[in-house]
Amino acid sequence: MNKTTTTSVLTCRDLSVGYEEKVILSDISLSFEAGQFISLLGPNGAGKTTLLRTFSRHLDPISGQIEVMGRPLARLTAMEMAQFMAVVLTDKVSPPLFSVFEFAALGRYPHTDFLGRLQAADIEAVENALYAVHAEELAHRPFSDLSDGERQKVLVALALAQEPRLLLLDEPTIHLDLKHRVEVLGILRDLCRTRGITVVASLHDVDVAAKVSDRVALVKSGGLSDWGPPETVLTGPAVSDLYDFREAEFCNQLGGIELRGDGRRGRAFVVAGMGTGAQVYRMLAKRGFAISTGVLHENDLDYFVARSLGAECITRKPMEAVDAESVAAAARGLSDCRFIIDCGFEEGALNRENMTLIEAALQTGKPMLTLRKNGLSTHSTSGNGASLIRCASSAELLEAIDHEFTGETTGKPLSAQEGDAL
């Protein structure tokens, strides 16, 4: 957000929107400030597009007020609106016989004379708009020959050529591949920072919205369920409720969605810490294993991933040493697991007791897979006949899991050392 500017660009109060007296959303009160990136989030059919079309005056509000820079939206002339507001909708356009420059130049119509003639200032504005979206090299190409990603950038350039204060976009990345999706959203974010433009976009990708937005509006069930900074609004429970997640959870700390396993292949016990377990947890969840963890600190990356995946976690507060009591609580999860994974975390004063947990795991006689580079030779073992599979990398660990516990080997030779006597 542009911290030096707090001007309200668009405000709505007690707004109800819909079609022909059919109310889709009601009691909407929002205020968008200059230089903000605002994301509208919600399931399909929730009313995000209806709200945008009401802001752009494609639809009349059923009730309530909308003000632009303190003026009622309904009283603005079409030319005044075009000088202030630009709109990019999802409709695919393919005008024949237009070069990219000529198409982008259509955005200058609020600023040209009656005949639409471009002056030097207009040409410069179009060139600057194409440059801003990294499309200057496309200027002389036919618009109809462009890819979806290139077209979307040029549509944004057309909108920028209007020199708007407010830019409304309906699902601006829906037809784009990953490269162009990231590029377009990066461009829009930068426009907020460098030009003070207020961007309001309906998005489906909550992960991306969490990273680019200054404010998010959660739209569902006929109204606004929450509004504010994504850091506080996009909690795991809020996102799960918004999209009716059952087997996934959004993690606010990671800014992403984790997909849980269904546990159909039983339970794996993982001793990790300091970020060594995150990838392993995801491997296991994808393959249908439930997960129990060793003792994790509550500020550890491993903890956030494990919790989002629905793992059974025993935790300690940050900077608290793992103690015998927490190790004993974690060890109770060993009894119903099929195998154990030692993620090879580095030992330190705060997590040293987790090595005791590994010793307890070895005592069970169940198979153990280890990523520990120095082996486990410095720790006592019971000689209960458990097998130890040493893995030099996460790729070898994955192959070992598939080979030993899922029957889904990729066909590559298992390079881990198996069957070491303990």
Protein backbone atom coordinates (compact mmCIF):
# COMPACT_ATOMS: atom_id res chain seq x y z
CA MET A 1 0.00 0.00 0.00
CA ASN A 2 1.18 3.54 -0.74
CA LYS A 3 1.67 4.78 2.81
CA THR A 4 1.90 8.42 1.78
CA THR A 5 -1.61 8.44 0.29
CA THR A 6 -4.81 7.57 2.10
CA THR A 7 -7.36 9.02 -0.33
CA SER A 8 -10.50 6.93 -0.67
CA VAL A 9 -10.83 6.16 -4.37
CA LEU A 10 -14.06 4.17 -4.26
CA THR A 11 -16.46 3.71 -1.38
CA CYS A 12 -19.67 1.72 -1.16
CA ARG A 13 -22.13 1.76 1.73
CA ASP A 14 -24.94 -0.70 2.44
CA LEU A 15 -24.69 -1.85 -1.17
CA SER A 16 -26.94 -4.57 -2.60
CA VAL A 17 -26.19 -5.89 -6.10
CA GLY A 18 -27.84 -8.37 -8.44
CA TYR A 19 -29.90 -8.76 -11.59
CA GLU A 20 -33.46 -7.48 -12.16
CA GLU A 21 -34.26 -7.15 -8.49
CA LYS A 22 -32.71 -10.53 -7.67
CA VAL A 23 -30.22 -9.75 -4.91
CA ILE A 24 -26.89 -11.60 -5.18
CA LEU A 25 -24.97 -9.68 -2.51
CA SER A 26 -26.25 -7.34 0.17
CA ASP A 27 -24.98 -5.09 2.98
CA ILE A 28 -21.61 -4.50 1.28
CA SER A 29 -19.61 -1.62 2.78
CA LEU A 30 -16.05 -1.15 1.51
CA SER A 31 -13.53 1.62 0.98
CA PHE A 32 -10.61 1.33 -1.44
CA GLU A 33 -7.64 3.63 -1.01
CA ALA A 34 -5.16 4.90 -3.60
CA GLY A 35 -2.32 2.53 -4.45
CA GLN A 36 -3.97 -0.58 -2.99
CA PHE A 37 -4.22 -4.03 -4.59
CA ILE A 38 -7.60 -5.45 -3.54
CA SER A 39 -8.57 -9.05 -4.24
CA LEU A 40 -12.14 -10.33 -4.27
CA LEU A 41 -12.09 -13.98 -3.23
CA GLY A 42 -14.84 -16.55 -3.13
CA PRO A 43 -16.30 -19.59 -4.88
CA ASN A 44 -17.79 -19.49 -8.36
CA GLY A 45 -21.19 -17.86 -8.36
CA ALA A 46 -20.61 -16.02 -5.10
CA GLY A 47 -21.12 -12.61 -6.72
CA LYS A 48 -17.59 -11.29 -7.34
CA THR A 49 -18.25 -10.48 -11.00
CA THR A 50 -21.63 -8.96 -10.18
CA LEU A 51 -19.95 -6.65 -7.68
CA LEU A 52 -17.28 -5.59 -10.19
CA ARG A 53 -19.89 -4.95 -12.88
CA THR A 54 -21.79 -2.76 -10.45
CA PHE A 55 -18.65 -0.78 -9.64
CA SER A 56 -18.06 -0.32 -13.39
CA ARG A 57 -21.72 0.69 -13.94
CA HIS A 58 -22.44 -2.23 -16.25
CA LEU A 59 -25.15 -3.01 -13.68
CA ASP A 60 -27.22 -0.66 -11.56
CA PRO A 61 -27.09 -1.23 -7.80
CA ILE A 62 -30.29 -2.53 -6.29
CA SER A 63 -29.77 -0.35 -3.24
CA GLY A 64 -27.03 1.49 -1.38
CA GLN A 65 -24.44 4.05 -2.39
CA ILE A 66 -21.24 4.02 -4.46
CA GLU A 67 -18.95 7.05 -4.46
CA VAL A 68 -15.89 7.73 -6.58
CA MET A 69 -13.48 10.32 -5.15
CA GLY A 70 -16.36 11.54 -3.00
CA ARG A 71 -18.79 11.88 -5.93
CA PRO A 72 -21.81 9.61 -6.48
CA LEU A 73 -20.99 7.10 -9.22
CA ALA A 74 -24.44 7.49 -10.80
CA ARG A 75 -23.82 11.21 -11.45
CA LEU A 76 -20.60 10.79 -13.40
CA THR A 77 -20.81 11.12 -17.16
CA ALA A 78 -19.47 8.28 -19.29
CA MET A 79 -16.48 10.43 -20.27
CA GLU A 80 -15.70 11.29 -16.65
CA MET A 81 -15.83 7.62 -15.73
CA ALA A 82 -13.53 6.67 -18.60
CA GLN A 83 -11.00 9.26 -17.49
CA PHE A 84 -10.99 7.82 -14.00
CA MET A 85 -11.79 4.11 -14.27
CA ALA A 86 -10.62 1.31 -16.58
CA VAL A 87 -12.17 -2.15 -16.77
CA VAL A 88 -10.75 -5.48 -17.98
CA LEU A 89 -13.40 -8.21 -18.09
CA THR A 90 -13.07 -11.93 -18.91
CA ASP A 91 -14.68 -11.63 -22.34
CA LYS A 92 -12.24 -12.76 -25.03
CA VAL A 93 -11.74 -10.11 -27.70
CA SER A 94 -10.12 -10.59 -31.10
CA PRO A 95 -10.59 -7.45 -33.18
CA PRO A 96 -9.50 -7.96 -36.81
CA LEU A 97 -6.98 -5.77 -38.59
CA PHE A 98 -5.67 -4.07 -35.43
CA SER A 99 -2.02 -3.96 -34.55
CA VAL A 100 -1.19 -4.17 -30.87
CA PHE A 101 -0.36 -0.47 -30.80
CA GLU A 102 -3.62 0.47 -32.52
CA PHE A 103 -5.62 -1.70 -30.13
CA ALA A 104 -3.91 -0.27 -27.04
CA ALA A 105 -4.45 3.23 -28.46
CA LEU A 106 -8.23 2.71 -28.10
CA GLY A 107 -7.65 3.43 -24.43
CA ARG A 108 -6.93 7.07 -25.31
CA TYR A 109 -10.49 7.79 -26.43
CA PRO A 110 -11.39 9.76 -23.27
CA HIS A 111 -8.50 12.11 -23.98
CA THR A 112 -8.68 12.63 -27.77
CA ASP A 113 -10.77 14.99 -29.85
CA PHE A 114 -14.13 14.19 -31.47
CA LEU A 115 -12.44 12.34 -34.33
CA GLY A 116 -10.21 10.30 -32.05
CA ARG A 117 -6.97 11.73 -33.45
CA LEU A 118 -3.82 10.92 -31.49
CA GLN A 119 -1.53 13.75 -30.51
CA ALA A 120 2.10 13.36 -29.44
CA ALA A 121 1.06 13.06 -25.79
CA ASP A 122 -1.38 10.26 -26.68
CA ILE A 123 1.25 8.29 -28.59
CA GLU A 124 3.63 8.64 -25.67
CA ALA A 125 0.93 7.44 -23.26
CA VAL A 126 0.31 4.30 -25.38
CA GLU A 127 4.03 3.59 -25.64
CA ASN A 128 4.41 3.99 -21.88
CA ALA A 129 1.45 1.66 -21.29
CA LEU A 130 2.95 -1.06 -23.49
CA TYR A 131 6.30 -0.61 -21.80
CA ALA A 132 4.71 -0.90 -18.35
CA VAL A 133 3.31 -4.35 -19.21
CA HIS A 134 6.49 -5.52 -20.96
CA ALA A 135 4.77 -5.61 -24.35
CA GLU A 136 6.60 -2.90 -26.27
CA GLU A 137 8.13 -5.49 -28.60
CA LEU A 138 4.60 -6.57 -29.61
CA ALA A 139 3.54 -3.10 -30.81
CA HIS A 140 3.53 -3.87 -34.55
CA ARG A 141 2.16 -7.42 -34.38
CA PRO A 142 -1.49 -8.16 -35.22
CA PHE A 143 -3.50 -8.39 -32.01
CA SER A 144 -5.29 -11.48 -33.33
CA ASP A 145 -1.98 -13.36 -33.56
CA LEU A 146 -1.14 -13.05 -29.87
CA SER A 147 -1.17 -15.81 -27.28
CA ASP A 148 -3.59 -15.61 -24.35
CA GLY A 149 -0.87 -14.32 -22.07
CA GLU A 150 0.22 -11.65 -24.54
CA ARG A 151 -3.38 -10.57 -25.10
CA GLN A 152 -3.97 -10.15 -21.40
CA LYS A 153 -0.93 -7.90 -21.09
CA VAL A 154 -2.14 -5.79 -24.02
CA LEU A 155 -5.62 -5.53 -22.48
CA VAL A 156 -4.00 -4.16 -19.35
CA ALA A 157 -1.98 -1.78 -21.53
CA LEU A 158 -5.21 -0.55 -23.16
CA ALA A 159 -6.59 0.13 -19.69
CA LEU A 160 -3.40 1.93 -18.63
CA ALA A 161 -3.52 4.11 -21.73
CA GLN A 162 -6.66 5.64 -20.22
CA GLU A 163 -4.45 6.84 -17.34
CA PRO A 164 -6.99 5.61 -14.78
CA ARG A 165 -6.94 6.00 -11.01
CA LEU A 166 -8.96 2.78 -10.59
CA LEU A 167 -8.47 -0.48 -12.51
CA LEU A 168 -11.14 -3.21 -12.25
CA LEU A 169 -10.28 -6.71 -13.47
CA ASP A 170 -12.43 -9.83 -13.54
CA GLU A 171 -10.29 -12.98 -13.20
CA PRO A 172 -7.30 -11.46 -15.04
CA THR A 173 -5.28 -14.70 -14.97
CA ILE A 174 -7.98 -17.27 -15.77
CA HIS A 175 -6.70 -18.28 -19.23
CA LEU A 176 -2.99 -17.86 -18.55
CA ASP A 177 -0.17 -20.31 -18.04
CA LEU A 178 1.99 -20.03 -14.93
CA LYS A 179 4.60 -17.75 -16.50
CA HIS A 180 2.08 -15.20 -17.73
CA ARG A 181 -0.02 -15.50 -14.57
CA VAL A 182 2.93 -14.52 -12.42
CA GLU A 183 3.98 -11.80 -14.86
CA VAL A 184 0.55 -10.16 -15.09
CA LEU A 185 0.02 -10.15 -11.33
CA GLY A 186 3.52 -8.77 -10.82
CA ILE A 187 2.75 -5.98 -13.29
CA LEU A 188 -0.51 -5.12 -11.53
CA ARG A 189 1.17 -5.08 -8.12
CA ASP A 190 3.90 -2.79 -9.43
CA LEU A 191 1.30 -0.40 -10.90
CA CYS A 192 -0.09 0.07 -7.42
CA ARG A 193 3.35 0.88 -6.02
CA THR A 194 4.78 3.01 -8.82
CA ARG A 195 1.71 4.81 -10.18
CA GLY A 196 -0.63 4.83 -7.20
CA ILE A 197 -3.33 3.01 -9.20
CA THR A 198 -5.96 1.18 -7.18
CA VAL A 199 -6.39 -2.35 -8.55
CA VAL A 200 -9.52 -4.36 -7.72
CA ALA A 201 -9.43 -7.91 -9.09
CA SER A 202 -11.51 -11.02 -8.65
CA LEU A 203 -9.16 -13.97 -8.19
CA HIS A 204 -9.46 -17.71 -7.67
CA ASP A 205 -5.90 -18.35 -6.50
CA VAL A 206 -5.89 -17.66 -2.77
CA ASP A 207 -2.16 -18.45 -2.58
CA VAL A 208 -1.36 -15.65 -5.01
CA ALA A 209 -3.87 -13.27 -3.47
CA ALA A 210 -2.19 -13.70 -0.09
CA LYS A 211 1.11 -12.59 -1.60
CA VAL A 212 0.07 -9.65 -3.80
CA SER A 213 -2.91 -8.08 -2.02
CA ASP A 214 -3.03 -5.17 0.39
CA ARG A 215 -6.64 -6.02 1.23
CA VAL A 216 -8.88 -9.02 0.52
CA ALA A 217 -12.66 -9.25 0.52
CA LEU A 218 -14.14 -12.69 1.18
CA VAL A 219 -17.43 -13.07 -0.69
CA LYS A 220 -19.82 -15.92 0.06
CA SER A 221 -23.43 -16.75 0.89
CA GLY A 222 -24.89 -13.46 -0.29
CA GLY A 223 -22.54 -11.13 1.51
CA LEU A 224 -19.11 -10.14 2.71
CA SER A 225 -17.78 -12.62 5.26
CA ASP A 226 -14.58 -10.68 6.00
CA TRP A 227 -12.47 -7.76 4.79
CA GLY A 228 -8.97 -6.58 5.63
CA PRO A 229 -5.26 -7.37 5.23
CA PRO A 230 -4.60 -10.92 3.98
CA GLU A 231 -2.19 -11.49 6.84
CA THR A 232 -5.09 -11.37 9.30
CA VAL A 233 -8.11 -12.32 7.17
CA LEU A 234 -6.75 -15.39 5.35
CA THR A 235 -6.61 -17.84 8.23
CA GLY A 236 -6.86 -21.59 7.74
CA PRO A 237 -10.43 -21.83 9.10
CA ALA A 238 -11.58 -18.76 7.14
CA VAL A 239 -10.32 -20.10 3.80
CA SER A 240 -11.65 -23.59 4.50
CA ASP A 241 -15.07 -22.10 5.24
CA LEU A 242 -14.93 -19.84 2.18
CA TYR A 243 -14.26 -22.69 -0.26
CA ASP A 244 -15.78 -25.58 1.74
CA PHE A 245 -12.45 -27.40 1.97
CA ARG A 246 -12.61 -30.87 3.46
CA GLU A 247 -9.23 -32.41 2.64
CA ALA A 248 -7.06 -29.30 2.45
CA GLU A 249 -6.03 -26.38 4.61
CA PHE A 250 -4.62 -22.96 3.86
CA CYS A 251 -1.60 -22.10 5.99
CA ASN A 252 -1.32 -18.39 6.65
CA GLN A 253 2.33 -18.65 7.70
CA LEU A 254 3.30 -20.46 4.48
CA GLY A 255 0.87 -18.57 2.25
CA GLY A 256 -0.26 -21.78 0.56
CA ILE A 257 -2.67 -24.70 0.58
CA GLU A 258 -1.67 -28.15 1.81
CA LEU A 259 -3.56 -31.26 0.62
CA ARG A 260 -3.99 -33.90 3.30
CA GLY A 261 -3.58 -37.63 2.76
CA ASP A 262 -6.48 -39.95 3.47
CA GLY A 263 -4.49 -42.30 5.70
CA ARG A 264 -5.55 -45.37 3.71
CA ARG A 265 -2.02 -46.83 3.88
CA GLY A 266 -1.65 -46.52 7.61
CA ARG A 267 0.57 -44.25 9.64
CA ALA A 268 4.19 -43.16 9.34
CA PHE A 269 6.15 -41.74 12.26
CA VAL A 270 8.50 -38.90 11.28
CA VAL A 271 11.22 -37.40 13.47
CA ALA A 272 12.19 -34.05 11.99
CA GLY A 273 12.83 -30.41 12.77
CA MET A 274 14.46 -27.25 11.39
CA GLY A 275 12.69 -27.64 8.05
CA THR A 276 13.93 -31.16 7.33
CA GLY A 277 10.48 -32.75 7.45
CA ALA A 278 8.31 -30.47 5.29
CA GLN A 279 9.03 -32.24 2.01
CA VAL A 280 8.78 -35.65 3.65
CA TYR A 281 5.35 -34.89 5.12
CA ARG A 282 4.09 -33.91 1.66
CA MET A 283 5.51 -37.09 0.12
CA LEU A 284 3.68 -39.19 2.69
CA ALA A 285 0.38 -37.31 2.41
CA LYS A 286 0.36 -37.70 -1.38
CA ARG A 287 0.82 -41.43 -0.97
CA GLY A 288 -2.05 -41.83 1.47
CA PHE A 289 -0.18 -42.08 4.77
CA ALA A 290 -1.34 -40.54 8.00
CA ILE A 291 1.50 -38.86 9.90
CA SER A 292 2.71 -38.66 13.48
CA THR A 293 5.61 -36.38 14.26
CA GLY A 294 8.34 -36.26 16.81
CA VAL A 295 8.53 -33.13 18.93
CA LEU A 296 8.43 -29.92 16.88
CA HIS A 297 8.86 -26.29 17.88
CA GLU A 298 5.88 -24.09 17.09
CA ASN A 299 7.92 -21.66 15.00
CA ASP A 300 9.42 -24.40 12.84
CA LEU A 301 8.53 -24.72 9.14
CA ASP A 302 7.99 -28.44 9.79
CA TYR A 303 5.32 -27.64 12.36
CA PHE A 304 3.30 -25.42 10.01
CA VAL A 305 3.37 -27.99 7.20
CA ALA A 306 2.61 -30.94 9.50
CA ARG A 307 -0.29 -29.15 11.16
CA SER A 308 -1.79 -28.14 7.80
CA LEU A 309 -1.57 -31.77 6.65
CA GLY A 310 -3.48 -32.94 9.70
CA ALA A 311 -0.53 -34.70 11.35
CA GLU A 312 -0.51 -35.66 15.01
CA CYS A 313 1.98 -33.19 16.47
CA ILE A 314 3.66 -32.93 19.84
CA THR A 315 5.03 -29.41 20.20
CA ARG A 316 7.21 -27.13 22.29
CA LYS A 317 7.19 -23.36 22.43
CA PRO A 318 9.95 -21.55 20.51
CA MET A 319 13.29 -21.68 22.33
CA GLU A 320 12.05 -24.31 24.78
CA ALA A 321 14.20 -27.42 24.87
CA VAL A 322 12.60 -30.73 23.96
CA ASP A 323 12.17 -32.52 27.29
CA ALA A 324 11.60 -36.09 28.43
CA GLU A 325 7.87 -35.51 28.97
CA SER A 326 7.26 -34.32 25.40
CA VAL A 327 9.41 -37.17 24.03
CA ALA A 328 7.34 -39.67 26.00
CA ALA A 329 4.12 -38.14 24.63
CA ALA A 330 5.45 -38.38 21.07
CA ALA A 331 6.70 -41.96 21.59
CA ARG A 332 3.15 -43.13 22.24
CA GLY A 333 2.53 -42.60 18.51
CA LEU A 334 5.10 -45.27 17.64
CA SER A 335 2.85 -48.19 18.47
CA ASP A 336 0.44 -47.87 15.53
CA CYS A 337 2.89 -46.72 12.85
CA ARG A 338 4.09 -48.93 9.98
CA PHE A 339 7.54 -47.39 9.73
CA ILE A 340 9.68 -44.54 11.01
CA ILE A 341 11.53 -41.81 9.12
CA ASP A 342 14.51 -39.96 10.57
CA CYS A 343 14.84 -36.77 8.52
CA GLY A 344 18.45 -36.22 9.55
CA PHE A 345 17.97 -32.93 11.40
CA GLU A 346 21.05 -31.40 13.01
CA GLU A 347 21.36 -31.91 16.74
CA GLY A 348 21.39 -28.89 19.02
CA ALA A 349 20.71 -27.98 22.61
CA LEU A 350 17.00 -27.49 21.99
CA ASN A 351 16.24 -30.67 20.05
CA ARG A 352 18.78 -33.18 21.35
CA GLU A 353 16.11 -35.19 23.15
CA ASN A 354 14.59 -36.06 19.79
CA MET A 355 17.56 -38.39 19.33
CA THR A 356 16.21 -40.26 22.34
CA LEU A 357 12.97 -40.57 20.41
CA ILE A 358 14.86 -42.11 17.48
CA GLU A 359 16.42 -44.61 19.88
CA ALA A 360 12.94 -45.47 21.16
CA ALA A 361 11.80 -45.94 17.58
CA LEU A 362 14.68 -48.31 16.90
CA GLN A 363 13.67 -50.33 19.96
CA THR A 364 10.30 -51.11 18.38
CA GLY A 365 11.94 -53.23 15.68
CA LYS A 366 9.93 -51.47 12.99
CA PRO A 367 11.58 -50.43 9.71
CA MET A 368 13.36 -47.10 9.78
CA LEU A 369 14.37 -44.92 6.84
CA THR A 370 17.04 -42.35 7.61
CA LEU A 371 18.46 -39.33 5.82
CA ARG A 372 21.13 -38.88 8.51
CA LYS A 373 24.45 -38.44 6.77
CA ASN A 374 26.52 -39.61 9.71
CA GLY A 375 24.42 -42.70 10.29
CA LEU A 376 23.10 -43.73 13.70
CA SER A 377 26.22 -45.49 14.93
CA THR A 378 26.76 -43.07 17.81
CA HIS A 379 23.42 -44.02 19.34
CA SER A 380 22.68 -47.20 21.13
CA THR A 381 20.36 -49.75 19.53
CA SER A 382 18.64 -52.76 20.90
CA GLY A 383 19.41 -55.24 18.17
CA ASN A 384 15.73 -56.05 17.82
CA GLY A 385 16.19 -56.97 14.19
CA ALA A 386 14.68 -53.83 12.71
CA SER A 387 15.76 -52.97 9.18
CA LEU A 388 17.45 -49.65 8.47
CA ILE A 389 17.22 -48.09 5.03
CA ARG A 390 19.85 -45.41 4.51
CA CYS A 391 18.87 -42.78 1.95
CA ALA A 392 21.30 -40.23 0.57
CA SER A 393 18.60 -37.88 -0.75
CA SER A 394 14.89 -37.19 -0.72
CA ALA A 395 14.66 -38.91 -4.12
CA GLU A 396 16.08 -42.11 -2.63
CA LEU A 397 13.76 -41.76 0.35
CA LEU A 398 10.76 -41.50 -1.96
CA GLU A 399 11.89 -44.53 -3.93
CA ALA A 400 12.37 -46.48 -0.71
CA ILE A 401 8.87 -45.59 0.53
CA ASP A 402 7.33 -46.68 -2.76
CA HIS A 403 9.43 -49.85 -2.91
CA GLU A 404 8.84 -50.97 0.65
CA PHE A 405 5.44 -49.65 1.67
CA THR A 406 3.24 -48.78 -1.31
CA GLY A 407 4.17 -51.25 -4.04
CA GLU A 408 4.41 -48.33 -6.47
CA THR A 409 8.08 -48.42 -7.33
CA THR A 410 9.03 -46.27 -10.30
CA GLY A 411 11.13 -49.03 -11.78
CA LYS A 412 14.43 -47.42 -10.85
CA PRO A 413 16.91 -49.47 -8.82
CA LEU A 414 16.69 -48.84 -5.09
CA SER A 415 20.00 -47.22 -4.19
CA ALA A 416 19.39 -47.08 -0.46
CA GLN A 417 21.19 -49.61 1.68
CA GLU A 418 18.66 -52.03 3.11
CA GLY A 419 18.56 -54.56 5.89
CA ASP A 420 21.32 -53.19 8.13
CA ALA A 421 21.32 -55.09 11.39
CA LEU A 422 20.57 -52.95 14.38
